[in-house]
Amino acid sequence: MQHGFWEKLKKPIMAIAPMANVTDATFRQIFVECGRPDVFWTEFVSVEGLLSRGKDQLLIDFWYTEAEHPIVAQIFGAKPEQFEKVAAMIYELGFDGIDINMGCPDRGVEKQGAGAALIKNPKLAKEIIRATHRGAQGLPISIKTRIGYSKNQIEEWVPALLEENIAALTVHLRTRNEMSDVPAHWEFAHDTVTLRNRLAPETLLLGNGDLYTLEEAHKKIKESGMDGAMIGRGIFGNPWFFSGYVPTTKERLVRMVEHTELFEKLFKSDHGKKDGGVKNFDIMKKHFKAYVTDFDDAKELRILLMKTKNASEVRKIIKQFIATI
């Protein structure tokens, strides 16, 4: 089976990691302007939720612009029949690929038998991939997972996934139990590459974990033999990550204001909702913490920004601060 857009990407491949309440449409649009990755990912969305009465609220996490192609929709769940139906829905929405989350350590997700819980259930994981293929109408399927649940299980877990004709496999180089509390095990990346080369040479491999600069990402890719990298925490507050550009403090703050205004425009306008918006403004505050760091008086500025209620207040505070630097 062909692997769609993945076959056209030049290596090394750089991707934005899917992160709940982070990699929304506004976050991704800022990267389009500052330095885009090779592949965009959406936030992850429940397949069960997408087939429920709450579908419309969840579809907000699938909003995207034409400038973001190629873009992959990430989903999670534990029932194969739901994946088949949602895969057809994603095809109709015009996405370039579908990614299945098999690594999230959130207890609520695992309680459903989804996310990292699937590492303990390879049989179900394989059934889910097959069901997604059936509904995807040719869209390439990829997986994001970890090296194991409570220990390194690369030798048994990765082959189970590679047998299912997936276009790409992203491996967060930690176990589920390690969360993000220990350094990523990049020393195990080569083992994954060896298995891929033997079992499914056409499947692309992306490494994930502890990549905070573009140079570091390129170095790890070269050393491991992987095809690319997925960047998570390293892109917080740095939409220039993939361009390699180092912004001034003023540039970072101006871009933060633009990000905030875009968020308000897209998610806080009426949209027919009684509360006047579809996402809470406080979601932006985790971005404020990331943008406002490593310069004089950053802490004091963050304290002021944490009290804001809208983009207008943010713009006023930043305008006053910039005037002093």
C-alpha atoms as a PDB file:
ATOM      1  CA  MET A   1       0.000   0.000   0.000  1.00  0.00           C
ATOM      2  CA  GLN A   2       1.204   3.483  -0.798  1.00  0.00           C
ATOM      3  CA  HIS A   3       2.000   5.849   2.051  1.00  0.00           C
ATOM      4  CA  GLY A   4       0.646   9.073   0.638  1.00  0.00           C
ATOM      5  CA  PHE A   5       2.358  12.353   1.439  1.00  0.00           C
ATOM      6  CA  TRP A   6       4.965  10.604   3.606  1.00  0.00           C
ATOM      7  CA  GLU A   7       6.665   9.313   0.463  1.00  0.00           C
ATOM      8  CA  LYS A   8       7.291  12.867  -0.785  1.00  0.00           C
ATOM      9  CA  LEU A   9       8.941  14.273   2.342  1.00  0.00           C
ATOM     10  CA  LYS A  10      12.640  15.032   2.338  1.00  0.00           C
ATOM     11  CA  LYS A  11      14.710  13.707   5.223  1.00  0.00           C
ATOM     12  CA  PRO A  12      15.307  14.524   7.955  1.00  0.00           C
ATOM     13  CA  ILE A  13      11.602  14.986   8.631  1.00  0.00           C
ATOM     14  CA  MET A  14      10.611  17.463  11.335  1.00  0.00           C
ATOM     15  CA  ALA A  15       7.182  17.310  12.965  1.00  0.00           C
ATOM     16  CA  ILE A  16       5.234  19.108  15.670  1.00  0.00           C
ATOM     17  CA  ALA A  17       4.108  16.808  18.469  1.00  0.00           C
ATOM     18  CA  PRO A  18       0.369  16.602  19.178  1.00  0.00           C
ATOM     19  CA  MET A  19      -0.284  18.169  22.589  1.00  0.00           C
ATOM     20  CA  ALA A  20      -3.688  18.683  24.194  1.00  0.00           C
ATOM     21  CA  ASN A  21      -4.644  22.348  24.597  1.00  0.00           C
ATOM     22  CA  VAL A  22      -1.364  23.373  22.958  1.00  0.00           C
ATOM     23  CA  THR A  23      -1.151  22.460  19.269  1.00  0.00           C
ATOM     24  CA  ASP A  24      -4.468  24.011  18.310  1.00  0.00           C
ATOM     25  CA  ALA A  25      -5.163  25.856  15.050  1.00  0.00           C
ATOM     26  CA  THR A  26      -3.764  29.177  16.327  1.00  0.00           C
ATOM     27  CA  PHE A  27      -0.539  27.618  17.600  1.00  0.00           C
ATOM     28  CA  ARG A  28       0.041  25.927  14.253  1.00  0.00           C
ATOM     29  CA  GLN A  29      -0.704  29.091  12.278  1.00  0.00           C
ATOM     30  CA  ILE A  30       2.011  30.934  14.181  1.00  0.00           C
ATOM     31  CA  PHE A  31       4.468  28.247  13.025  1.00  0.00           C
ATOM     32  CA  VAL A  32       3.307  28.648   9.434  1.00  0.00           C
ATOM     33  CA  GLU A  33       4.412  32.275   9.697  1.00  0.00           C
ATOM     34  CA  CYS A  34       7.657  31.798  11.661  1.00  0.00           C
ATOM     35  CA  GLY A  35       9.045  28.544  10.307  1.00  0.00           C
ATOM     36  CA  ARG A  36       6.969  25.509   9.495  1.00  0.00           C
ATOM     37  CA  PRO A  37       7.777  21.863  10.214  1.00  0.00           C
ATOM     38  CA  ASP A  38       7.481  19.220   7.500  1.00  0.00           C
ATOM     39  CA  VAL A  39       4.335  17.759   9.084  1.00  0.00           C
ATOM     40  CA  PHE A  40       1.689  19.258  11.347  1.00  0.00           C
ATOM     41  CA  TRP A  41      -0.265  17.226  13.907  1.00  0.00           C
ATOM     42  CA  THR A  42      -3.583  18.148  15.505  1.00  0.00           C
ATOM     43  CA  GLU A  43      -4.352  17.758  19.182  1.00  0.00           C
ATOM     44  CA  PHE A  44      -5.490  14.219  19.950  1.00  0.00           C
ATOM     45  CA  VAL A  45      -9.231  13.588  19.873  1.00  0.00           C
ATOM     46  CA  SER A  46     -11.338  10.736  21.237  1.00  0.00           C
ATOM     47  CA  VAL A  47     -12.931   8.507  18.612  1.00  0.00           C
ATOM     48  CA  GLU A  48     -15.747   7.754  21.031  1.00  0.00           C
ATOM     49  CA  GLY A  49     -16.345  11.468  21.519  1.00  0.00           C
ATOM     50  CA  LEU A  50     -16.381  12.087  17.774  1.00  0.00           C
ATOM     51  CA  LEU A  51     -19.263   9.620  17.480  1.00  0.00           C
ATOM     52  CA  SER A  52     -21.224  11.118  20.380  1.00  0.00           C
ATOM     53  CA  ARG A  53     -23.568  14.063  20.815  1.00  0.00           C
ATOM     54  CA  GLY A  54     -20.541  16.144  21.803  1.00  0.00           C
ATOM     55  CA  LYS A  55     -19.021  15.713  18.347  1.00  0.00           C
ATOM     56  CA  ASP A  56     -19.241  19.388  17.349  1.00  0.00           C
ATOM     57  CA  GLN A  57     -17.253  20.568  20.359  1.00  0.00           C
ATOM     58  CA  LEU A  58     -14.492  18.036  19.649  1.00  0.00           C
ATOM     59  CA  LEU A  59     -14.347  18.903  15.961  1.00  0.00           C
ATOM     60  CA  ILE A  60     -12.963  22.293  17.038  1.00  0.00           C
ATOM     61  CA  ASP A  61      -9.687  20.447  17.700  1.00  0.00           C
ATOM     62  CA  PHE A  62      -9.669  19.443  14.028  1.00  0.00           C
ATOM     63  CA  TRP A  63      -9.889  22.997  12.680  1.00  0.00           C
ATOM     64  CA  TYR A  64      -7.026  23.775  10.303  1.00  0.00           C
ATOM     65  CA  THR A  65      -6.114  26.019   7.388  1.00  0.00           C
ATOM     66  CA  GLU A  66      -4.963  25.090   3.897  1.00  0.00           C
ATOM     67  CA  ALA A  67      -1.517  26.490   4.731  1.00  0.00           C
ATOM     68  CA  GLU A  68      -0.968  23.647   7.213  1.00  0.00           C
ATOM     69  CA  HIS A  69      -0.822  20.776   4.719  1.00  0.00           C
ATOM     70  CA  PRO A  70       0.413  18.153   5.171  1.00  0.00           C
ATOM     71  CA  ILE A  71      -1.538  17.787   8.404  1.00  0.00           C
ATOM     72  CA  VAL A  72      -2.282  14.615  10.327  1.00  0.00           C
ATOM     73  CA  ALA A  73      -5.326  14.116  12.564  1.00  0.00           C
ATOM     74  CA  GLN A  74      -4.495  12.260  15.767  1.00  0.00           C
ATOM     75  CA  ILE A  75      -7.091  10.097  17.480  1.00  0.00           C
ATOM     76  CA  PHE A  76      -7.280   7.783  20.473  1.00  0.00           C
ATOM     77  CA  GLY A  77      -9.617   5.111  21.738  1.00  0.00           C
ATOM     78  CA  ALA A  78      -9.938   1.377  22.271  1.00  0.00           C
ATOM     79  CA  LYS A  79     -12.783   0.154  20.050  1.00  0.00           C
ATOM     80  CA  PRO A  80     -11.822  -0.840  16.486  1.00  0.00           C
ATOM     81  CA  GLU A  81     -15.298  -0.219  15.054  1.00  0.00           C
ATOM     82  CA  GLN A  82     -15.142   3.388  16.255  1.00  0.00           C
ATOM     83  CA  PHE A  83     -11.771   3.900  14.580  1.00  0.00           C
ATOM     84  CA  GLU A  84     -13.179   2.659  11.278  1.00  0.00           C
ATOM     85  CA  LYS A  85     -16.041   5.181  11.389  1.00  0.00           C
ATOM     86  CA  VAL A  86     -13.870   8.080  12.509  1.00  0.00           C
ATOM     87  CA  ALA A  87     -11.221   7.320   9.881  1.00  0.00           C
ATOM     88  CA  ALA A  88     -13.893   7.833   7.205  1.00  0.00           C
ATOM     89  CA  MET A  89     -14.842  11.110   8.892  1.00  0.00           C
ATOM     90  CA  ILE A  90     -11.215  12.295   8.859  1.00  0.00           C
ATOM     91  CA  TYR A  91     -10.941  11.442   5.175  1.00  0.00           C
ATOM     92  CA  GLU A  92     -13.991  13.614   4.468  1.00  0.00           C
ATOM     93  CA  LEU A  93     -12.455  16.481   6.465  1.00  0.00           C
ATOM     94  CA  GLY A  94      -9.536  16.589   4.023  1.00  0.00           C
ATOM     95  CA  PHE A  95      -6.651  15.554   6.269  1.00  0.00           C
ATOM     96  CA  ASP A  96      -3.498  14.083   4.758  1.00  0.00           C
ATOM     97  CA  GLY A  97      -3.082  11.270   7.255  1.00  0.00           C
ATOM     98  CA  ILE A  98      -4.337   9.659  10.456  1.00  0.00           C
ATOM     99  CA  ASP A  99      -2.222   9.058  13.540  1.00  0.00           C
ATOM    100  CA  ILE A 100      -3.247   6.735  16.366  1.00  0.00           C
ATOM    101  CA  ASN A 101      -2.063   7.592  19.850  1.00  0.00           C
ATOM    102  CA  MET A 102      -0.702   4.500  21.605  1.00  0.00           C
ATOM    103  CA  GLY A 103       1.505   6.250  24.112  1.00  0.00           C
ATOM    104  CA  CYS A 104      -0.495   8.759  26.185  1.00  0.00           C
ATOM    105  CA  PRO A 105      -0.017   8.038  29.919  1.00  0.00           C
ATOM    106  CA  ASP A 106      -3.081   9.990  31.071  1.00  0.00           C
ATOM    107  CA  ARG A 107      -5.047   7.864  33.547  1.00  0.00           C
ATOM    108  CA  GLY A 108      -8.394   8.814  32.066  1.00  0.00           C
ATOM    109  CA  VAL A 109      -7.218   7.748  28.611  1.00  0.00           C
ATOM    110  CA  GLU A 110      -5.704   4.513  29.897  1.00  0.00           C
ATOM    111  CA  LYS A 111      -8.840   3.670  31.865  1.00  0.00           C
ATOM    112  CA  GLN A 112     -10.589   3.308  28.497  1.00  0.00           C
ATOM    113  CA  GLY A 113      -7.924   0.865  27.362  1.00  0.00           C
ATOM    114  CA  ALA A 114      -6.503   3.547  25.062  1.00  0.00           C
ATOM    115  CA  GLY A 115      -3.200   5.420  24.780  1.00  0.00           C
ATOM    116  CA  ALA A 116      -0.298   3.709  26.522  1.00  0.00           C
ATOM    117  CA  ALA A 117      -2.619   0.927  27.748  1.00  0.00           C
ATOM    118  CA  LEU A 118      -2.462  -0.497  24.226  1.00  0.00           C
ATOM    119  CA  ILE A 119       1.215  -1.342  24.766  1.00  0.00           C
ATOM    120  CA  LYS A 120      -0.087  -4.068  27.092  1.00  0.00           C
ATOM    121  CA  ASN A 121      -2.577  -5.254  24.473  1.00  0.00           C
ATOM    122  CA  PRO A 122      -0.807  -5.716  21.101  1.00  0.00           C
ATOM    123  CA  LYS A 123      -3.680  -7.815  19.739  1.00  0.00           C
ATOM    124  CA  LEU A 124      -6.161  -4.984  20.199  1.00  0.00           C
ATOM    125  CA  ALA A 125      -3.627  -2.458  18.902  1.00  0.00           C
ATOM    126  CA  LYS A 126      -3.309  -4.416  15.664  1.00  0.00           C
ATOM    127  CA  GLU A 127      -7.109  -4.700  15.320  1.00  0.00           C
ATOM    128  CA  ILE A 128      -7.398  -0.928  15.740  1.00  0.00           C
ATOM    129  CA  ILE A 129      -4.823  -0.253  13.017  1.00  0.00           C
ATOM    130  CA  ARG A 130      -6.603  -2.616  10.619  1.00  0.00           C
ATOM    131  CA  ALA A 131      -9.973  -1.025  11.336  1.00  0.00           C
ATOM    132  CA  THR A 132      -8.519   2.428  10.748  1.00  0.00           C
ATOM    133  CA  HIS A 133      -7.109   1.285   7.410  1.00  0.00           C
ATOM    134  CA  ARG A 134     -10.560   0.039   6.409  1.00  0.00           C
ATOM    135  CA  GLY A 135     -12.174   3.403   7.085  1.00  0.00           C
ATOM    136  CA  ALA A 136      -9.360   5.654   5.885  1.00  0.00           C
ATOM    137  CA  GLN A 137      -9.995   5.207   2.157  1.00  0.00           C
ATOM    138  CA  GLY A 138      -6.294   5.156   1.382  1.00  0.00           C
ATOM    139  CA  LEU A 139      -5.084   7.803   3.813  1.00  0.00           C
ATOM    140  CA  PRO A 140      -1.747   6.766   5.346  1.00  0.00           C
ATOM    141  CA  ILE A 141      -1.852   5.553   8.952  1.00  0.00           C
ATOM    142  CA  SER A 142       0.862   6.337  11.478  1.00  0.00           C
ATOM    143  CA  ILE A 143       1.357   5.518  15.158  1.00  0.00           C
ATOM    144  CA  LYS A 144       2.798   7.451  18.093  1.00  0.00           C
ATOM    145  CA  THR A 145       3.901   5.315  21.011  1.00  0.00           C
ATOM    146  CA  ARG A 146       6.581   4.687  23.662  1.00  0.00           C
ATOM    147  CA  ILE A 147       9.350   2.121  24.031  1.00  0.00           C
ATOM    148  CA  GLY A 148       7.325   0.128  26.549  1.00  0.00           C
ATOM    149  CA  TYR A 149       5.009   0.286  29.525  1.00  0.00           C
ATOM    150  CA  SER A 150       7.080  -0.360  32.636  1.00  0.00           C
ATOM    151  CA  LYS A 151      10.255  -1.524  30.865  1.00  0.00           C
ATOM    152  CA  ASN A 152      11.930  -1.513  27.471  1.00  0.00           C
ATOM    153  CA  GLN A 153       9.668  -3.606  25.219  1.00  0.00           C
ATOM    154  CA  ILE A 154      11.002  -2.506  21.836  1.00  0.00           C
ATOM    155  CA  GLU A 155      11.803  -6.075  20.724  1.00  0.00           C
ATOM    156  CA  GLU A 156       8.203  -7.291  21.094  1.00  0.00           C
ATOM    157  CA  TRP A 157       6.088  -4.111  20.817  1.00  0.00           C
ATOM    158  CA  VAL A 158       7.591  -2.379  17.779  1.00  0.00           C
ATOM    159  CA  PRO A 159       7.412  -5.469  15.489  1.00  0.00           C
ATOM    160  CA  ALA A 160       3.705  -5.860  16.300  1.00  0.00           C
ATOM    161  CA  LEU A 161       3.103  -2.359  14.919  1.00  0.00           C
ATOM    162  CA  LEU A 162       5.433  -2.670  11.937  1.00  0.00           C
ATOM    163  CA  GLU A 163       3.508  -5.716  10.724  1.00  0.00           C
ATOM    164  CA  GLU A 164       0.430  -3.544  10.047  1.00  0.00           C
ATOM    165  CA  ASN A 165       1.633  -1.536   7.030  1.00  0.00           C
ATOM    166  CA  ILE A 166       1.933   1.793   8.807  1.00  0.00           C
ATOM    167  CA  ALA A 167       3.441   4.754   6.967  1.00  0.00           C
ATOM    168  CA  ALA A 168       5.301   6.161   9.952  1.00  0.00           C
ATOM    169  CA  LEU A 169       6.054   5.300  13.564  1.00  0.00           C
ATOM    170  CA  THR A 170       6.936   7.945  16.130  1.00  0.00           C
ATOM    171  CA  VAL A 171       8.643   6.578  19.221  1.00  0.00           C
ATOM    172  CA  HIS A 172       8.783   8.593  22.422  1.00  0.00           C
ATOM    173  CA  LEU A 173      11.965   7.134  23.847  1.00  0.00           C
ATOM    174  CA  ARG A 174      10.675   6.609  27.368  1.00  0.00           C
ATOM    175  CA  THR A 175       8.388   4.005  28.950  1.00  0.00           C
ATOM    176  CA  ARG A 176       4.907   4.899  30.061  1.00  0.00           C
ATOM    177  CA  ASN A 177       5.899   4.682  33.727  1.00  0.00           C
ATOM    178  CA  GLU A 178       8.845   7.005  33.200  1.00  0.00           C
ATOM    179  CA  MET A 179       6.460   9.703  31.935  1.00  0.00           C
ATOM    180  CA  SER A 180       8.858  12.605  31.251  1.00  0.00           C
ATOM    181  CA  ASP A 181      10.694  12.268  34.552  1.00  0.00           C
ATOM    182  CA  VAL A 182      13.907  10.732  33.194  1.00  0.00           C
ATOM    183  CA  PRO A 183      16.106  11.589  30.186  1.00  0.00           C
ATOM    184  CA  ALA A 184      14.838  10.125  26.914  1.00  0.00           C
ATOM    185  CA  HIS A 185      16.590   6.857  26.012  1.00  0.00           C
ATOM    186  CA  TRP A 186      18.060   7.855  22.662  1.00  0.00           C
ATOM    187  CA  GLU A 187      20.520   4.982  23.127  1.00  0.00           C
ATOM    188  CA  PHE A 188      17.595   2.652  22.250  1.00  0.00           C
ATOM    189  CA  ALA A 189      16.702   4.458  19.020  1.00  0.00           C
ATOM    190  CA  HIS A 190      19.099   2.402  16.926  1.00  0.00           C
ATOM    191  CA  ASP A 191      17.387  -0.815  18.076  1.00  0.00           C
ATOM    192  CA  THR A 192      14.133   0.496  16.661  1.00  0.00           C
ATOM    193  CA  VAL A 193      15.838   1.367  13.373  1.00  0.00           C
ATOM    194  CA  THR A 194      17.328  -2.129  13.133  1.00  0.00           C
ATOM    195  CA  LEU A 195      13.897  -3.715  13.575  1.00  0.00           C
ATOM    196  CA  ARG A 196      12.344  -1.369  11.027  1.00  0.00           C
ATOM    197  CA  ASN A 197      15.039  -2.092   8.458  1.00  0.00           C
ATOM    198  CA  ARG A 198      14.424  -5.805   8.823  1.00  0.00           C
ATOM    199  CA  LEU A 199      10.630  -5.897   9.098  1.00  0.00           C
ATOM    200  CA  ALA A 200       9.212  -2.859   7.302  1.00  0.00           C
ATOM    201  CA  PRO A 201      11.861  -0.826   5.471  1.00  0.00           C
ATOM    202  CA  GLU A 202       9.276   1.513   3.922  1.00  0.00           C
ATOM    203  CA  THR A 203       7.943   2.673   7.310  1.00  0.00           C
ATOM    204  CA  LEU A 204       9.431   6.002   8.390  1.00  0.00           C
ATOM    205  CA  LEU A 205      10.725   6.386  11.945  1.00  0.00           C
ATOM    206  CA  LEU A 206      10.587   9.574  14.003  1.00  0.00           C
ATOM    207  CA  GLY A 207      12.236   9.932  17.399  1.00  0.00           C
ATOM    208  CA  ASN A 208      10.726  11.976  20.209  1.00  0.00           C
ATOM    209  CA  GLY A 209      12.002  13.181  23.562  1.00  0.00           C
ATOM    210  CA  ASP A 210      14.315  15.872  24.983  1.00  0.00           C
ATOM    211  CA  LEU A 211      14.918  17.753  21.745  1.00  0.00           C
ATOM    212  CA  TYR A 212      15.207  21.431  22.635  1.00  0.00           C
ATOM    213  CA  THR A 213      17.128  22.805  19.642  1.00  0.00           C
ATOM    214  CA  LEU A 214      17.124  22.144  15.923  1.00  0.00           C
ATOM    215  CA  GLU A 215      20.825  21.256  16.097  1.00  0.00           C
ATOM    216  CA  GLU A 216      20.134  18.695  18.803  1.00  0.00           C
ATOM    217  CA  ALA A 217      17.368  17.138  16.732  1.00  0.00           C
ATOM    218  CA  HIS A 218      19.621  16.816  13.667  1.00  0.00           C
ATOM    219  CA  LYS A 219      22.400  15.305  15.792  1.00  0.00           C
ATOM    220  CA  LYS A 220      20.123  12.645  17.334  1.00  0.00           C
ATOM    221  CA  ILE A 221      18.628  11.759  13.965  1.00  0.00           C
ATOM    222  CA  LYS A 222      22.057  11.311  12.423  1.00  0.00           C
ATOM    223  CA  GLU A 223      23.411   9.245  15.314  1.00  0.00           C
ATOM    224  CA  SER A 224      20.360   6.964  15.520  1.00  0.00           C
ATOM    225  CA  GLY A 225      19.624   6.476  11.827  1.00  0.00           C
ATOM    226  CA  MET A 226      16.032   7.596  12.258  1.00  0.00           C
ATOM    227  CA  ASP A 227      14.244   9.429   9.445  1.00  0.00           C
ATOM    228  CA  GLY A 228      13.238  12.423  11.501  1.00  0.00           C
ATOM    229  CA  ALA A 229      12.124  13.833  14.807  1.00  0.00           C
ATOM    230  CA  MET A 230       8.963  14.986  16.506  1.00  0.00           C
ATOM    231  CA  ILE A 231       9.379  18.005  18.761  1.00  0.00           C
ATOM    232  CA  GLY A 232       7.220  18.537  21.842  1.00  0.00           C
ATOM    233  CA  ARG A 233       8.279  20.752  24.724  1.00  0.00           C
ATOM    234  CA  GLY A 234      11.139  22.232  22.709  1.00  0.00           C
ATOM    235  CA  ILE A 235       8.730  24.264  20.585  1.00  0.00           C
ATOM    236  CA  PHE A 236       6.955  25.955  23.500  1.00  0.00           C
ATOM    237  CA  GLY A 237       7.354  29.698  23.169  1.00  0.00           C
ATOM    238  CA  ASN A 238       9.558  29.286  20.113  1.00  0.00           C
ATOM    239  CA  PRO A 239       7.618  29.280  16.837  1.00  0.00           C
ATOM    240  CA  TRP A 240      10.947  29.907  15.094  1.00  0.00           C
ATOM    241  CA  PHE A 241      12.238  26.463  16.164  1.00  0.00           C
ATOM    242  CA  PHE A 242      12.195  24.883  12.711  1.00  0.00           C
ATOM    243  CA  SER A 243      13.709  27.899  10.972  1.00  0.00           C
ATOM    244  CA  GLY A 244      16.670  28.036  13.332  1.00  0.00           C
ATOM    245  CA  TYR A 245      16.160  31.785  13.788  1.00  0.00           C
ATOM    246  CA  VAL A 246      16.917  33.196  17.251  1.00  0.00           C
ATOM    247  CA  PRO A 247      14.475  36.046  18.000  1.00  0.00           C
ATOM    248  CA  THR A 248      15.078  39.059  20.193  1.00  0.00           C
ATOM    249  CA  THR A 249      13.063  39.474  23.375  1.00  0.00           C
ATOM    250  CA  LYS A 250      10.959  42.118  21.654  1.00  0.00           C
ATOM    251  CA  GLU A 251      10.229  39.818  18.709  1.00  0.00           C
ATOM    252  CA  ARG A 252       9.138  37.037  21.055  1.00  0.00           C
ATOM    253  CA  LEU A 253       6.796  39.340  22.956  1.00  0.00           C
ATOM    254  CA  VAL A 254       5.286  40.853  19.812  1.00  0.00           C
ATOM    255  CA  ARG A 255       4.671  37.365  18.422  1.00  0.00           C
ATOM    256  CA  MET A 256       3.077  36.322  21.716  1.00  0.00           C
ATOM    257  CA  VAL A 257       0.601  39.194  21.419  1.00  0.00           C
ATOM    258  CA  GLU A 258      -0.219  38.170  17.836  1.00  0.00           C
ATOM    259  CA  HIS A 259      -0.693  34.564  18.988  1.00  0.00           C
ATOM    260  CA  THR A 260      -3.042  35.756  21.743  1.00  0.00           C
ATOM    261  CA  GLU A 261      -5.085  37.904  19.390  1.00  0.00           C
ATOM    262  CA  LEU A 262      -5.379  35.060  16.898  1.00  0.00           C
ATOM    263  CA  PHE A 263      -6.533  32.732  19.691  1.00  0.00           C
ATOM    264  CA  GLU A 264      -9.169  35.236  20.758  1.00  0.00           C
ATOM    265  CA  LYS A 265     -10.336  35.794  17.190  1.00  0.00           C
ATOM    266  CA  LEU A 266     -10.699  32.096  16.441  1.00  0.00           C
ATOM    267  CA  PHE A 267     -11.831  30.614  19.742  1.00  0.00           C
ATOM    268  CA  LYS A 268     -13.353  33.433  21.750  1.00  0.00           C
ATOM    269  CA  SER A 269     -15.671  35.026  19.189  1.00  0.00           C
ATOM    270  CA  ASP A 270     -19.360  34.176  19.344  1.00  0.00           C
ATOM    271  CA  HIS A 271     -19.518  31.064  17.100  1.00  0.00           C
ATOM    272  CA  GLY A 272     -23.124  30.760  18.262  1.00  0.00           C
ATOM    273  CA  LYS A 273     -22.065  29.797  21.781  1.00  0.00           C
ATOM    274  CA  LYS A 274     -23.766  31.300  24.824  1.00  0.00           C
ATOM    275  CA  ASP A 275     -20.457  31.692  26.691  1.00  0.00           C
ATOM    276  CA  GLY A 276     -19.059  33.817  23.872  1.00  0.00           C
ATOM    277  CA  GLY A 277     -16.395  31.338  22.863  1.00  0.00           C
ATOM    278  CA  VAL A 278     -15.363  27.735  22.407  1.00  0.00           C
ATOM    279  CA  LYS A 279     -12.056  27.703  24.334  1.00  0.00           C
ATOM    280  CA  ASN A 280     -11.122  29.222  27.656  1.00  0.00           C
ATOM    281  CA  PHE A 281      -8.729  32.172  27.470  1.00  0.00           C
ATOM    282  CA  ASP A 282      -6.684  30.631  30.291  1.00  0.00           C
ATOM    283  CA  ILE A 283      -5.366  28.076  27.775  1.00  0.00           C
ATOM    284  CA  MET A 284      -3.152  30.870  26.423  1.00  0.00           C
ATOM    285  CA  LYS A 285      -1.469  31.319  29.792  1.00  0.00           C
ATOM    286  CA  LYS A 286       0.699  28.238  29.434  1.00  0.00           C
ATOM    287  CA  HIS A 287       2.044  29.906  26.286  1.00  0.00           C
ATOM    288  CA  PHE A 288       2.727  33.132  28.194  1.00  0.00           C
ATOM    289  CA  LYS A 289       4.973  31.156  30.562  1.00  0.00           C
ATOM    290  CA  ALA A 290       6.905  29.772  27.605  1.00  0.00           C
ATOM    291  CA  TYR A 291       7.299  33.031  25.675  1.00  0.00           C
ATOM    292  CA  VAL A 292       8.207  35.089  28.754  1.00  0.00           C
ATOM    293  CA  THR A 293      11.417  33.545  30.047  1.00  0.00           C
ATOM    294  CA  ASP A 294      15.186  34.023  30.144  1.00  0.00           C
ATOM    295  CA  PHE A 295      15.315  37.824  30.233  1.00  0.00           C
ATOM    296  CA  ASP A 296      15.385  40.523  32.918  1.00  0.00           C
ATOM    297  CA  ASP A 297      12.085  41.045  34.742  1.00  0.00           C
ATOM    298  CA  ALA A 298      10.509  38.037  32.993  1.00  0.00           C
ATOM    299  CA  LYS A 299       9.062  36.730  36.270  1.00  0.00           C
ATOM    300  CA  GLU A 300       7.371  40.030  37.080  1.00  0.00           C
ATOM    301  CA  LEU A 301       5.951  40.219  33.553  1.00  0.00           C
ATOM    302  CA  ARG A 302       4.591  36.676  33.788  1.00  0.00           C
ATOM    303  CA  ILE A 303       2.786  37.548  37.025  1.00  0.00           C
ATOM    304  CA  LEU A 304       1.025  40.432  35.279  1.00  0.00           C
ATOM    305  CA  LEU A 305       0.085  38.291  32.265  1.00  0.00           C
ATOM    306  CA  MET A 306      -1.391  35.555  34.469  1.00  0.00           C
ATOM    307  CA  LYS A 307      -4.023  38.050  35.624  1.00  0.00           C
ATOM    308  CA  THR A 308      -5.188  39.009  32.125  1.00  0.00           C
ATOM    309  CA  LYS A 309      -8.634  38.145  30.818  1.00  0.00           C
ATOM    310  CA  ASN A 310      -8.336  39.048  27.134  1.00  0.00           C
ATOM    311  CA  ALA A 311      -5.969  39.928  24.302  1.00  0.00           C
ATOM    312  CA  SER A 312      -6.457  43.659  24.752  1.00  0.00           C
ATOM    313  CA  GLU A 313      -5.065  43.498  28.297  1.00  0.00           C
ATOM    314  CA  VAL A 314      -2.108  41.428  27.079  1.00  0.00           C
ATOM    315  CA  ARG A 315      -1.304  43.915  24.310  1.00  0.00           C
ATOM    316  CA  LYS A 316      -1.391  46.845  26.748  1.00  0.00           C
ATOM    317  CA  ILE A 317       0.959  45.157  29.246  1.00  0.00           C
ATOM    318  CA  ILE A 318       3.438  44.108  26.542  1.00  0.00           C
ATOM    319  CA  LYS A 319       3.405  47.551  24.913  1.00  0.00           C
ATOM    320  CA  GLN A 320       4.309  49.121  28.249  1.00  0.00           C
ATOM    321  CA  PHE A 321       7.025  46.535  28.911  1.00  0.00           C
ATOM    322  CA  ILE A 322       8.633  46.877  25.476  1.00  0.00           C
ATOM    323  CA  ALA A 323       8.876  50.619  26.016  1.00  0.00           C
ATOM    324  CA  THR A 324      11.249  49.928  28.926  1.00  0.00           C
ATOM    325  CA  ILE A 325      13.700  47.632  27.111  1.00  0.00           C
END
